[in-house]
Amino acid sequence: MEADYRCYFCFARTFERLIEKQSLSPGEKKVLTAEMFSLFQNGRAGFSVPILSRELYSLFSEKSGIADPYRKIKHDSNDRLLTMYKVFRKKIDSADNPFKTAVRLAIAGNIIDYGVFDTFNLEETIERVESSDFAIDHVRNLQQRISSAKTVLYLGDNAGEIVFDKLLIETFHHPNVWYAVRGGPVINDVTREDALQVGMDEVAYVIDNGYDAPSTILERCAGPFRQLFKESDLVISKGQGNLEGLIEERKRDIFFLLMVKCGVIADKLGVQESSYVCVGNNIER
């Protein structure tokens, strides 16, 4: 997905938050900021939103010497959600429609995104998503496709929210689910370490995609992941980052589950910002 002019302002704000959180000298911050604007101007990353984001975090790691600035935040997010695991499991199991409730919770968990927000209220978001209509509601179609699929590939997004992904996978109880993580640390996106921390390997096979962008960029992913993507009957894509990388893909049936966090994606999907979406890429709207 090509960058909209609004994306550059978003990147700048995110980068500012990142460098302010680190123990860097004013001189180091000045150098990093200059490098960031040089990256924009020179177009080294092209105009792809996820690739530009990846280049920014690669630049930060290179200049700061901090390979994974969100590692503790990710670990703490996973721990926090794990302490609430039984509460959410009970909520799903006692619901009139456990599958739809699990989908709603998975989308509510998408609020845990330090690339977009400094702070967020998870409990308030859960209440809101439970009482709101989906802006696009293909939940029934998704459930039907899961039941007929031989292989399901689930693309993870952020740490913390992956606990909700695990709850959803448990709920639809498919015998052949693969859970994909990033090929390396980027923002608070899920890595293999995070997936194993929450026990994702208990409900799915865990595979990394071989590329450290906050998205799924097929042409840059590792061969084994690309082969799995090609052979999977159904792909479940969590979060806005994965949608940015796969929004033009039509060869696979993909269902995108996300909270719409910016005007660019809202315009692309034809919905309001902050709305909740479960949309199949090959379903007429």
Protein backbone atom coordinates (compact mmCIF):
# COMPACT_ATOMS: atom_id res chain seq x y z
CA MET A 1 0.00 0.00 0.00
CA GLU A 2 1.46 3.35 -1.02
CA ALA A 3 1.97 6.05 1.58
CA ASP A 4 -0.53 8.89 1.77
CA TYR A 5 0.87 12.32 2.66
CA ARG A 6 -0.74 11.90 6.10
CA CYS A 7 1.45 8.84 6.74
CA TYR A 8 4.59 10.95 6.94
CA PHE A 9 3.23 13.07 9.79
CA CYS A 10 2.20 9.88 11.60
CA PHE A 11 5.69 8.41 11.15
CA ALA A 12 7.28 11.58 12.49
CA ARG A 13 5.10 11.56 15.63
CA THR A 14 5.78 7.85 16.22
CA PHE A 15 9.51 8.34 15.77
CA GLU A 16 9.47 11.30 18.16
CA ARG A 17 7.78 9.17 20.85
CA LEU A 18 10.31 6.41 20.31
CA ILE A 19 13.44 8.55 20.67
CA GLU A 20 11.98 10.43 23.66
CA LYS A 21 11.55 7.12 25.52
CA GLN A 22 15.25 6.26 25.17
CA SER A 23 18.27 7.56 27.10
CA LEU A 24 19.78 9.40 24.17
CA SER A 25 21.73 12.64 24.25
CA PRO A 26 20.36 15.74 22.51
CA GLY A 27 23.06 15.29 19.87
CA GLU A 28 22.03 11.67 19.21
CA LYS A 29 18.39 12.70 18.92
CA LYS A 30 19.32 15.44 16.48
CA VAL A 31 21.27 13.01 14.29
CA LEU A 32 18.44 10.47 14.31
CA THR A 33 15.87 13.11 13.37
CA ALA A 34 18.03 14.37 10.50
CA GLU A 35 18.47 10.80 9.23
CA MET A 36 14.72 10.23 9.40
CA PHE A 37 13.96 13.24 7.22
CA SER A 38 16.73 12.22 4.84
CA LEU A 39 15.04 8.85 4.51
CA PHE A 40 11.77 10.57 3.58
CA GLN A 41 13.43 12.87 1.05
CA ASN A 42 15.63 10.29 -0.65
CA GLY A 43 12.87 7.73 -0.97
CA ARG A 44 15.24 4.91 0.01
CA ALA A 45 12.27 2.93 1.25
CA GLY A 46 10.02 3.79 -1.68
CA PHE A 47 6.45 4.72 -0.89
CA SER A 48 5.26 1.55 0.84
CA VAL A 49 3.91 2.36 4.29
CA PRO A 50 5.11 -0.86 6.01
CA ILE A 51 8.53 -0.83 4.34
CA LEU A 52 9.09 2.82 5.24
CA SER A 53 8.17 1.98 8.84
CA ARG A 54 10.61 -0.92 8.80
CA GLU A 55 13.37 1.33 7.47
CA LEU A 56 12.73 3.88 10.22
CA TYR A 57 13.06 1.29 12.99
CA SER A 58 16.12 -0.23 11.32
CA LEU A 59 17.63 3.26 11.26
CA PHE A 60 16.83 3.75 14.94
CA SER A 61 18.43 0.42 15.91
CA GLU A 62 21.51 1.13 13.83
CA LYS A 63 22.11 4.61 15.26
CA SER A 64 21.06 3.97 18.87
CA GLY A 65 22.45 0.45 19.32
CA ILE A 66 19.08 -0.65 20.77
CA ALA A 67 17.91 -3.70 18.83
CA ASP A 68 14.50 -4.13 20.48
CA PRO A 69 13.38 -0.96 22.32
CA TYR A 70 9.92 -2.40 23.07
CA ARG A 71 11.04 -5.78 24.43
CA LYS A 72 10.07 -5.09 28.06
CA ILE A 73 6.80 -3.44 27.03
CA LYS A 74 5.92 -6.50 24.93
CA HIS A 75 6.76 -8.90 27.74
CA ASP A 76 4.71 -6.89 30.24
CA SER A 77 1.76 -6.65 27.81
CA ASN A 78 1.77 -10.42 27.37
CA ASP A 79 1.97 -10.97 31.13
CA ARG A 80 -0.86 -8.54 31.81
CA LEU A 81 -3.21 -10.22 29.36
CA LEU A 82 -2.28 -13.69 30.56
CA THR A 83 -3.44 -12.79 34.08
CA MET A 84 -6.87 -12.04 32.57
CA TYR A 85 -6.94 -15.13 30.38
CA LYS A 86 -9.44 -17.15 32.46
CA VAL A 87 -11.81 -14.19 32.69
CA PHE A 88 -11.91 -13.83 28.91
CA ARG A 89 -12.17 -17.59 28.39
CA LYS A 90 -15.24 -17.67 30.64
CA LYS A 91 -16.74 -14.64 28.85
CA ILE A 92 -16.40 -16.39 25.48
CA ASP A 93 -17.65 -19.78 26.64
CA SER A 94 -20.75 -18.31 28.31
CA ALA A 95 -21.70 -16.10 25.34
CA ASP A 96 -24.70 -16.80 23.10
CA ASN A 97 -22.31 -16.79 20.13
CA PRO A 98 -18.83 -17.77 21.41
CA PHE A 99 -17.19 -17.41 18.01
CA LYS A 100 -18.41 -13.86 17.41
CA THR A 101 -17.50 -12.88 20.98
CA ALA A 102 -13.98 -14.24 20.46
CA VAL A 103 -13.68 -12.26 17.22
CA ARG A 104 -14.85 -9.09 19.00
CA LEU A 105 -12.26 -9.57 21.75
CA ALA A 106 -9.53 -10.22 19.19
CA ILE A 107 -10.38 -6.95 17.45
CA ALA A 108 -10.59 -5.08 20.78
CA GLY A 109 -7.07 -6.32 21.56
CA ASN A 110 -5.86 -4.54 18.42
CA ILE A 111 -5.82 -1.32 20.51
CA ILE A 112 -2.49 -2.49 22.00
CA ASP A 113 -0.33 -0.73 19.44
CA TYR A 114 2.59 1.41 20.58
CA GLY A 115 3.34 2.35 16.98
CA VAL A 116 0.13 4.41 16.99
CA PHE A 117 -0.79 5.13 20.63
CA ASP A 118 1.22 6.15 23.70
CA THR A 119 -1.62 5.15 26.00
CA PHE A 120 -4.88 3.27 25.62
CA ASN A 121 -7.71 1.90 27.76
CA LEU A 122 -8.12 -1.79 26.98
CA GLU A 123 -11.11 -2.35 29.26
CA GLU A 124 -12.99 0.62 27.77
CA THR A 125 -12.19 -0.60 24.25
CA ILE A 126 -13.51 -4.08 25.07
CA GLU A 127 -16.77 -2.60 26.39
CA ARG A 128 -17.12 -0.45 23.28
CA VAL A 129 -16.44 -3.24 20.79
CA GLU A 130 -18.83 -5.57 22.60
CA SER A 131 -21.66 -3.05 22.31
CA SER A 132 -20.87 -1.71 18.82
CA ASP A 133 -21.86 -2.96 15.40
CA PHE A 134 -19.05 -3.88 13.05
CA ALA A 135 -18.56 -1.32 10.29
CA ILE A 136 -18.06 -4.34 8.02
CA ASP A 137 -19.35 -7.63 9.41
CA HIS A 138 -18.25 -10.79 7.61
CA VAL A 139 -18.00 -12.83 10.81
CA ARG A 140 -20.44 -15.49 9.65
CA ASN A 141 -18.58 -15.86 6.36
CA LEU A 142 -15.32 -16.25 8.29
CA GLN A 143 -16.74 -18.97 10.49
CA GLN A 144 -18.01 -20.87 7.44
CA ARG A 145 -14.65 -20.60 5.69
CA ILE A 146 -12.79 -21.88 8.74
CA SER A 147 -14.99 -24.97 8.90
CA SER A 148 -14.26 -25.84 5.24
CA ALA A 149 -10.54 -24.96 5.21
CA LYS A 150 -7.86 -27.65 5.42
CA THR A 151 -5.16 -25.17 6.45
CA VAL A 152 -5.65 -21.84 8.26
CA LEU A 153 -2.85 -19.28 8.41
CA TYR A 154 -3.30 -16.66 11.14
CA LEU A 155 -1.11 -13.54 10.84
CA GLY A 156 -0.29 -12.04 14.22
CA ASP A 157 0.10 -8.33 14.88
CA ASN A 158 1.02 -6.96 18.31
CA ALA A 159 2.23 -8.43 21.60
CA GLY A 160 -0.44 -8.47 24.29
CA GLU A 161 -3.27 -8.78 21.80
CA ILE A 162 -1.87 -12.18 20.82
CA VAL A 163 -3.53 -13.57 23.95
CA PHE A 164 -6.86 -12.75 22.31
CA ASP A 165 -5.63 -14.43 19.12
CA LYS A 166 -4.96 -17.57 21.14
CA LEU A 167 -8.46 -17.42 22.64
CA LEU A 168 -9.99 -17.08 19.17
CA ILE A 169 -7.96 -20.00 17.78
CA GLU A 170 -9.00 -22.13 20.76
CA THR A 171 -12.62 -21.20 20.12
CA PHE A 172 -12.77 -22.31 16.47
CA HIS A 173 -10.65 -25.38 17.31
CA HIS A 174 -9.22 -26.18 13.88
CA PRO A 175 -6.74 -29.09 13.57
CA ASN A 176 -4.28 -27.32 11.25
CA VAL A 177 -3.63 -23.69 12.20
CA TRP A 178 -0.35 -21.87 11.61
CA TYR A 179 0.39 -18.67 13.52
CA ALA A 180 2.79 -16.26 11.81
CA VAL A 181 5.05 -13.81 13.65
CA ARG A 182 7.53 -11.17 12.45
CA GLY A 183 11.01 -12.19 11.34
CA GLY A 184 12.60 -9.79 13.85
CA PRO A 185 11.76 -7.10 16.42
CA VAL A 186 9.89 -4.05 15.15
CA ILE A 187 7.76 -1.74 17.35
CA ASN A 188 5.69 -3.98 19.67
CA ASP A 189 4.85 -6.49 16.94
CA VAL A 190 4.80 -10.16 17.84
CA THR A 191 7.95 -12.26 17.51
CA ARG A 192 8.47 -15.97 18.15
CA GLU A 193 9.57 -15.12 21.71
CA ASP A 194 6.23 -13.42 22.38
CA ALA A 195 4.23 -16.26 20.84
CA LEU A 196 5.97 -18.85 23.01
CA GLN A 197 5.54 -16.67 26.10
CA VAL A 198 1.72 -16.87 25.79
CA GLY A 199 1.67 -20.54 24.78
CA MET A 200 0.62 -20.01 21.19
CA ASP A 201 2.42 -23.26 20.29
CA GLU A 202 -0.24 -25.09 22.34
CA VAL A 203 -2.96 -24.21 19.83
CA ALA A 204 -1.09 -23.60 16.54
CA TYR A 205 2.16 -24.18 14.70
CA VAL A 206 4.31 -21.05 15.01
CA ILE A 207 6.24 -19.77 11.98
CA ASP A 208 8.10 -16.49 11.45
CA ASN A 209 7.71 -14.74 8.12
CA GLY A 210 11.41 -13.98 7.72
CA TYR A 211 11.11 -10.20 7.46
CA ASP A 212 11.15 -7.54 10.16
CA ALA A 213 8.53 -5.11 8.85
CA PRO A 214 5.39 -4.37 10.91
CA SER A 215 3.36 -6.04 8.18
CA THR A 216 3.32 -8.97 5.77
CA ILE A 217 5.25 -8.02 2.61
CA LEU A 218 5.06 -11.25 0.63
CA GLU A 219 7.85 -10.53 -1.85
CA ARG A 220 10.26 -9.90 1.05
CA CYS A 221 9.22 -12.79 3.28
CA ALA A 222 11.15 -16.05 3.58
CA GLY A 223 10.48 -18.93 1.17
CA PRO A 224 8.87 -21.31 3.71
CA PHE A 225 6.40 -18.64 4.77
CA ARG A 226 5.55 -17.69 1.18
CA GLN A 227 4.93 -21.36 0.39
CA LEU A 228 2.64 -21.73 3.41
CA PHE A 229 0.77 -18.56 2.41
CA LYS A 230 0.32 -19.93 -1.11
CA GLU A 231 -0.95 -23.32 0.08
CA SER A 232 -3.25 -22.15 2.89
CA ASP A 233 -6.98 -22.31 2.15
CA LEU A 234 -7.70 -19.37 4.44
CA VAL A 235 -5.67 -16.47 5.83
CA ILE A 236 -6.79 -14.54 8.92
CA SER A 237 -4.97 -11.22 9.05
CA LYS A 238 -4.88 -9.28 12.32
CA GLY A 239 -4.29 -5.56 12.50
CA GLN A 240 -3.82 -2.56 10.30
CA GLY A 241 -0.18 -3.28 9.47
CA ASN A 242 -0.95 -6.64 7.89
CA LEU A 243 -3.82 -5.09 5.95
CA GLU A 244 -1.47 -2.44 4.54
CA GLY A 245 0.76 -5.16 3.13
CA LEU A 246 -2.00 -7.43 1.79
CA ILE A 247 -4.89 -5.15 0.87
CA GLU A 248 -4.38 -5.72 -2.88
CA GLU A 249 -3.97 -9.51 -2.56
CA ARG A 250 -6.76 -11.51 -4.22
CA LYS A 251 -5.23 -14.95 -4.87
CA ARG A 252 -5.91 -16.14 -1.30
CA ASP A 253 -9.07 -15.78 0.73
CA ILE A 254 -8.10 -13.31 3.46
CA PHE A 255 -10.22 -12.05 6.32
CA PHE A 256 -8.93 -8.83 7.90
CA LEU A 257 -9.71 -8.28 11.59
CA LEU A 258 -8.83 -4.83 12.88
CA MET A 259 -9.69 -1.61 14.58
CA VAL A 260 -9.36 1.23 12.05
CA LYS A 261 -6.78 3.55 13.58
CA CYS A 262 -6.31 6.29 10.98
CA GLY A 263 -8.08 8.27 8.30
CA VAL A 264 -6.02 6.74 5.50
CA ILE A 265 -7.27 3.20 6.21
CA ALA A 266 -10.77 4.47 6.99
CA ASP A 267 -10.92 6.05 3.53
CA LYS A 268 -9.51 2.90 1.92
CA LEU A 269 -12.19 0.69 3.50
CA GLY A 270 -15.00 3.23 3.27
CA VAL A 271 -15.65 3.26 7.04
CA GLN A 272 -15.26 5.66 9.96
CA GLU A 273 -12.02 5.99 11.88
CA SER A 274 -12.05 3.99 15.18
CA SER A 275 -14.58 1.53 13.77
CA TYR A 276 -14.27 -2.26 13.95
CA VAL A 277 -13.97 -4.45 10.89
CA CYS A 278 -14.12 -8.11 9.93
CA VAL A 279 -13.87 -8.07 6.15
CA GLY A 280 -13.18 -10.76 3.59
CA ASN A 281 -11.13 -9.62 0.60
CA ASN A 282 -13.15 -11.69 -1.88
CA ILE A 283 -16.63 -10.98 -0.52
CA GLU A 284 -18.93 -8.52 -2.23
CA ARG A 285 -19.89 -5.51 -0.08
